[in-house]
N, C-alpha and C. Protein backbone atom coordinates (compact mmCIF):
# COMPACT_ATOMS: atom_id res chain seq x y z
N MET A 1 74.03 163.35 62.98
CA MET A 1 74.33 162.31 63.70
C MET A 1 75.87 162.30 64.00
N ALA A 2 76.26 162.61 65.48
CA ALA A 2 77.54 162.53 65.62
C ALA A 2 77.80 161.05 66.35
N ILE A 3 78.90 160.48 65.81
CA ILE A 3 79.40 159.43 66.40
C ILE A 3 80.49 159.32 67.33
N ILE A 4 80.54 158.68 68.69
CA ILE A 4 81.61 158.70 69.51
C ILE A 4 81.86 157.31 69.67
N PHE A 5 83.10 156.97 70.27
CA PHE A 5 83.66 155.70 70.55
C PHE A 5 83.95 155.08 71.79
N HIS A 6 83.73 153.93 72.25
CA HIS A 6 84.18 153.32 73.32
C HIS A 6 84.85 151.92 73.41
N ILE A 7 85.73 151.62 74.04
CA ILE A 7 86.61 150.42 73.89
C ILE A 7 86.07 149.66 74.86
N THR A 8 85.97 148.30 74.80
CA THR A 8 85.48 147.35 75.71
C THR A 8 86.19 146.02 75.40
N THR A 9 85.64 145.00 76.31
CA THR A 9 85.90 143.52 75.85
C THR A 9 84.82 142.95 75.19
N SER A 10 85.23 141.91 74.60
CA SER A 10 84.22 141.14 74.09
C SER A 10 83.22 140.46 75.03
N ALA A 11 83.80 139.96 76.29
CA ALA A 11 82.81 139.65 77.40
C ALA A 11 81.79 140.65 77.77
N ALA A 12 82.49 141.86 78.23
CA ALA A 12 81.69 142.89 78.59
C ALA A 12 80.63 143.48 77.49
N TRP A 13 80.74 143.31 76.35
CA TRP A 13 80.10 143.71 75.43
C TRP A 13 78.73 142.52 75.33
N GLN A 14 79.17 141.27 75.52
CA GLN A 14 78.15 140.16 75.35
C GLN A 14 77.27 140.42 76.54
N GLU A 15 77.99 140.65 77.68
CA GLU A 15 77.06 141.00 78.90
C GLU A 15 76.03 141.81 78.64
N ALA A 16 76.31 143.09 78.07
CA ALA A 16 75.53 144.18 77.71
C ALA A 16 74.47 143.75 76.93
N LEU A 17 74.66 143.05 76.04
CA LEU A 17 73.73 142.80 74.89
C LEU A 17 72.61 141.65 75.63
N GLU A 18 73.03 141.11 76.55
CA GLU A 18 72.13 140.08 77.54
C GLU A 18 71.39 140.90 78.37
N LYS A 19 71.79 142.06 78.97
CA LYS A 19 71.20 142.90 79.87
C LYS A 19 70.26 143.92 79.17
N GLY A 20 70.81 144.39 77.95
CA GLY A 20 70.05 145.48 77.20
C GLY A 20 70.66 146.79 77.43
N PHE A 21 71.78 146.94 77.97
CA PHE A 21 72.62 148.07 78.15
C PHE A 21 73.71 147.98 78.69
N TYR A 22 74.71 148.97 78.37
CA TYR A 22 76.25 148.74 78.65
C TYR A 22 76.59 149.60 79.78
N GLU A 23 77.29 149.13 80.67
CA GLU A 23 78.08 149.76 81.71
C GLU A 23 79.49 149.34 82.00
N SER A 24 80.39 150.31 82.24
CA SER A 24 81.79 150.14 82.42
C SER A 24 82.06 150.27 83.93
N ASP A 25 83.22 149.85 84.30
CA ASP A 25 83.78 150.01 85.64
C ASP A 25 83.80 151.28 86.00
N SER A 26 84.21 152.34 85.15
CA SER A 26 84.43 153.64 85.37
C SER A 26 82.94 154.07 85.71
N LEU A 27 81.87 153.62 85.14
CA LEU A 27 80.71 154.39 85.61
C LEU A 27 80.29 154.31 87.18
N SER A 28 80.71 153.24 87.58
CA SER A 28 80.35 153.02 89.23
C SER A 28 81.72 153.81 90.00
N ALA A 29 82.85 153.78 89.29
CA ALA A 29 84.00 154.30 89.95
C ALA A 29 84.07 155.65 89.75
N GLU A 30 83.87 156.32 88.68
CA GLU A 30 83.98 158.03 88.42
C GLU A 30 82.65 158.40 87.99
N GLY A 31 81.56 157.82 87.82
CA GLY A 31 80.52 158.28 87.43
C GLY A 31 80.07 158.52 86.06
N PHE A 32 80.93 158.01 85.12
CA PHE A 32 80.77 158.19 83.77
C PHE A 32 81.51 157.12 83.27
N ILE A 33 81.05 156.94 81.87
CA ILE A 33 81.84 156.11 80.74
C ILE A 33 82.66 156.82 79.83
N HIS A 34 83.81 156.56 79.83
CA HIS A 34 84.92 157.10 79.02
C HIS A 34 84.55 156.80 77.66
N CYS A 35 84.55 157.83 76.47
CA CYS A 35 84.55 157.51 75.24
C CYS A 35 85.44 158.67 74.39
N SER A 36 85.44 158.41 73.07
CA SER A 36 86.41 159.25 72.41
C SER A 36 85.80 159.55 71.07
N HIS A 37 86.47 160.67 70.47
CA HIS A 37 86.18 160.85 68.99
C HIS A 37 87.01 160.10 68.08
N ALA A 38 86.67 159.98 66.99
CA ALA A 38 87.48 159.12 66.10
C ALA A 38 89.02 159.36 65.97
N GLU A 39 89.38 160.46 66.07
CA GLU A 39 90.84 160.87 66.25
C GLU A 39 91.55 160.64 67.28
N GLN A 40 90.66 160.25 68.32
CA GLN A 40 91.47 160.12 69.64
C GLN A 40 91.48 158.35 70.21
N VAL A 41 90.93 157.78 69.16
CA VAL A 41 90.81 156.22 69.54
C VAL A 41 92.01 155.51 69.93
N ASP A 42 93.05 155.89 68.79
CA ASP A 42 94.44 155.45 68.93
C ASP A 42 95.27 155.83 69.89
N GLY A 43 95.07 157.13 70.29
CA GLY A 43 95.73 157.33 71.43
C GLY A 43 95.32 156.58 72.53
N VAL A 44 94.10 156.61 72.83
CA VAL A 44 93.47 155.77 73.99
C VAL A 44 93.74 154.24 74.22
N LEU A 45 93.79 153.64 72.87
CA LEU A 45 94.46 152.25 72.72
C LEU A 45 95.76 152.09 73.10
N LEU A 46 96.64 153.02 72.66
CA LEU A 46 98.02 153.00 73.00
C LEU A 46 98.10 153.17 74.76
N ARG A 47 97.38 154.24 75.12
CA ARG A 47 97.73 154.82 76.64
C ARG A 47 97.09 153.60 77.46
N TYR A 48 95.85 153.07 77.24
CA TYR A 48 95.02 152.26 78.19
C TYR A 48 94.85 150.70 77.74
N TYR A 49 95.33 150.53 76.51
CA TYR A 49 95.04 148.92 76.16
C TYR A 49 96.12 148.34 75.33
N ALA A 50 97.23 148.87 75.59
CA ALA A 50 98.45 148.19 74.88
C ALA A 50 98.67 146.90 75.21
N GLY A 51 98.91 145.86 74.50
CA GLY A 51 99.03 144.44 74.75
C GLY A 51 97.77 143.71 74.94
N LYS A 52 96.53 144.49 75.02
CA LYS A 52 95.37 143.77 75.44
C LYS A 52 94.70 143.09 74.30
N LYS A 53 94.04 142.07 74.47
CA LYS A 53 93.54 141.01 73.29
C LYS A 53 91.90 141.38 73.57
N ASP A 54 91.12 140.94 72.54
CA ASP A 54 89.81 140.55 72.74
C ASP A 54 89.20 141.88 73.05
N LEU A 55 89.43 142.99 72.26
CA LEU A 55 88.80 144.36 72.14
C LEU A 55 87.54 144.46 71.23
N ILE A 56 86.70 145.24 71.49
CA ILE A 56 85.61 145.67 70.99
C ILE A 56 85.38 147.15 70.92
N LYS A 57 85.44 147.85 69.75
CA LYS A 57 85.27 149.28 69.60
C LYS A 57 83.66 149.55 69.35
N LEU A 58 83.01 150.15 70.40
CA LEU A 58 81.66 150.58 70.07
C LEU A 58 81.43 151.86 69.29
N HIS A 59 80.61 151.97 68.04
CA HIS A 59 80.37 152.90 67.68
C HIS A 59 78.87 153.54 68.10
N VAL A 60 78.86 154.64 68.86
CA VAL A 60 77.73 155.07 69.48
C VAL A 60 77.24 156.33 69.01
N ASP A 61 76.12 156.47 68.41
CA ASP A 61 75.18 157.58 67.77
C ASP A 61 74.61 158.06 69.22
N THR A 62 75.36 159.48 68.98
CA THR A 62 75.05 160.37 70.60
C THR A 62 73.61 160.89 70.40
N ASP A 63 72.78 160.70 69.11
CA ASP A 63 71.36 161.41 68.72
C ASP A 63 70.61 160.19 69.88
N LYS A 64 70.89 158.93 69.76
CA LYS A 64 70.39 158.09 70.34
C LYS A 64 70.49 157.74 71.91
N LEU A 65 71.47 158.12 72.56
CA LEU A 65 71.76 158.17 73.98
C LEU A 65 70.67 158.39 74.80
N THR A 66 70.34 157.60 75.82
CA THR A 66 69.13 158.09 76.76
C THR A 66 70.14 158.51 77.84
N SER A 67 71.26 158.37 78.08
CA SER A 67 71.96 159.03 79.24
C SER A 67 72.62 160.18 78.88
N GLN A 68 73.04 160.98 79.67
CA GLN A 68 73.72 162.36 79.46
C GLN A 68 75.09 162.31 79.06
N LEU A 69 75.28 163.12 77.92
CA LEU A 69 76.63 163.17 77.38
C LEU A 69 77.13 164.41 77.49
N ILE A 70 78.61 164.47 78.17
CA ILE A 70 79.10 165.72 78.52
C ILE A 70 80.32 165.60 78.12
N TYR A 71 80.89 166.79 77.27
CA TYR A 71 82.08 166.89 76.56
C TYR A 71 83.08 167.56 77.87
N GLU A 72 84.28 166.84 78.26
CA GLU A 72 85.17 167.32 79.30
C GLU A 72 86.51 167.47 78.97
N TRP A 73 86.90 168.34 79.44
CA TRP A 73 88.74 168.66 79.20
C TRP A 73 89.41 167.47 79.95
N SER A 74 90.37 167.17 79.43
CA SER A 74 91.28 166.18 79.96
C SER A 74 92.75 166.96 80.24
N PRO A 75 93.04 167.48 81.50
CA PRO A 75 94.33 168.12 81.38
C PRO A 75 95.48 167.54 81.16
N SER A 76 95.39 166.16 81.61
CA SER A 76 96.55 165.19 81.18
C SER A 76 97.07 165.16 80.11
N ILE A 77 96.14 165.32 78.96
CA ILE A 77 96.54 165.33 77.39
C ILE A 77 96.23 166.59 76.76
N ALA A 78 95.26 167.41 77.50
CA ALA A 78 95.17 168.56 76.94
C ALA A 78 94.11 168.27 75.82
N ASP A 79 92.92 167.87 75.86
CA ASP A 79 92.22 167.44 74.90
C ASP A 79 90.83 167.36 75.70
N THR A 80 89.67 167.40 74.87
CA THR A 80 88.20 167.28 75.19
C THR A 80 87.75 165.87 74.74
N PHE A 81 87.24 165.12 75.90
CA PHE A 81 86.69 163.86 75.68
C PHE A 81 85.31 163.73 76.05
N PRO A 82 84.43 162.83 75.48
CA PRO A 82 82.93 162.67 75.70
C PRO A 82 82.84 161.73 76.80
N HIS A 83 81.80 162.15 77.64
CA HIS A 83 81.78 161.10 78.86
C HIS A 83 80.22 161.05 78.76
N VAL A 84 79.89 159.60 78.94
CA VAL A 84 78.36 159.44 79.08
C VAL A 84 78.14 159.19 80.63
N TYR A 85 77.17 159.83 81.13
CA TYR A 85 76.89 159.98 82.63
C TYR A 85 75.69 159.09 83.03
N GLY A 86 76.05 157.71 82.54
CA GLY A 86 74.90 156.62 82.63
C GLY A 86 75.24 155.48 81.87
N PRO A 87 74.37 154.52 81.82
CA PRO A 87 74.48 153.23 80.96
C PRO A 87 74.13 153.64 79.54
N ILE A 88 75.03 153.09 78.54
CA ILE A 88 74.77 153.45 77.18
C ILE A 88 73.64 152.24 76.66
N ASN A 89 72.62 152.87 76.19
CA ASN A 89 71.30 151.88 75.82
C ASN A 89 71.95 151.21 74.65
N ILE A 90 71.58 149.93 74.58
CA ILE A 90 71.87 149.02 73.21
C ILE A 90 71.69 149.67 71.86
N ASN A 91 70.59 150.23 71.83
CA ASN A 91 70.11 150.73 70.49
C ASN A 91 70.83 151.96 70.03
N ALA A 92 71.68 152.77 71.14
CA ALA A 92 72.43 153.64 70.59
C ALA A 92 73.96 153.24 69.77
N VAL A 93 74.11 151.95 70.39
CA VAL A 93 75.42 151.52 69.42
C VAL A 93 74.82 150.96 68.07
N ILE A 94 75.48 151.75 67.21
CA ILE A 94 75.16 151.34 65.55
C ILE A 94 76.14 150.35 65.17
N LYS A 95 77.22 149.97 65.82
CA LYS A 95 78.45 149.21 65.36
C LYS A 95 79.07 148.72 66.48
N SER A 96 79.44 147.44 66.36
CA SER A 96 80.56 146.89 67.40
C SER A 96 81.58 146.34 66.41
N GLU A 97 82.90 146.64 66.73
CA GLU A 97 83.99 146.18 65.78
C GLU A 97 84.91 145.44 66.56
N VAL A 98 85.44 144.56 66.23
CA VAL A 98 86.61 143.82 66.91
C VAL A 98 87.86 144.39 66.20
N ILE A 99 88.66 144.88 67.23
CA ILE A 99 89.86 145.53 67.01
C ILE A 99 91.17 144.68 67.62
């Protein structure tokens, strides 16, 4: 079981729970949902969420994902990140953590 992480807002997570799946704005804009490995989360928080409140860290079990998972290189920071090409099914989220 490999775990990846996604940062979202409490409101977006609540909406996902009501719909039965999670989608981010990046899914419609870029075609995938940005995720991270454990060691990448702090950097993502610093780069994209500095000063933001009401955040949730989703712990996603990659074995339970129904959408395609692709690991892709990010040349801007020279690292590989997991991207989910479709919605994240709720049962793949094994924990939601307030951060």
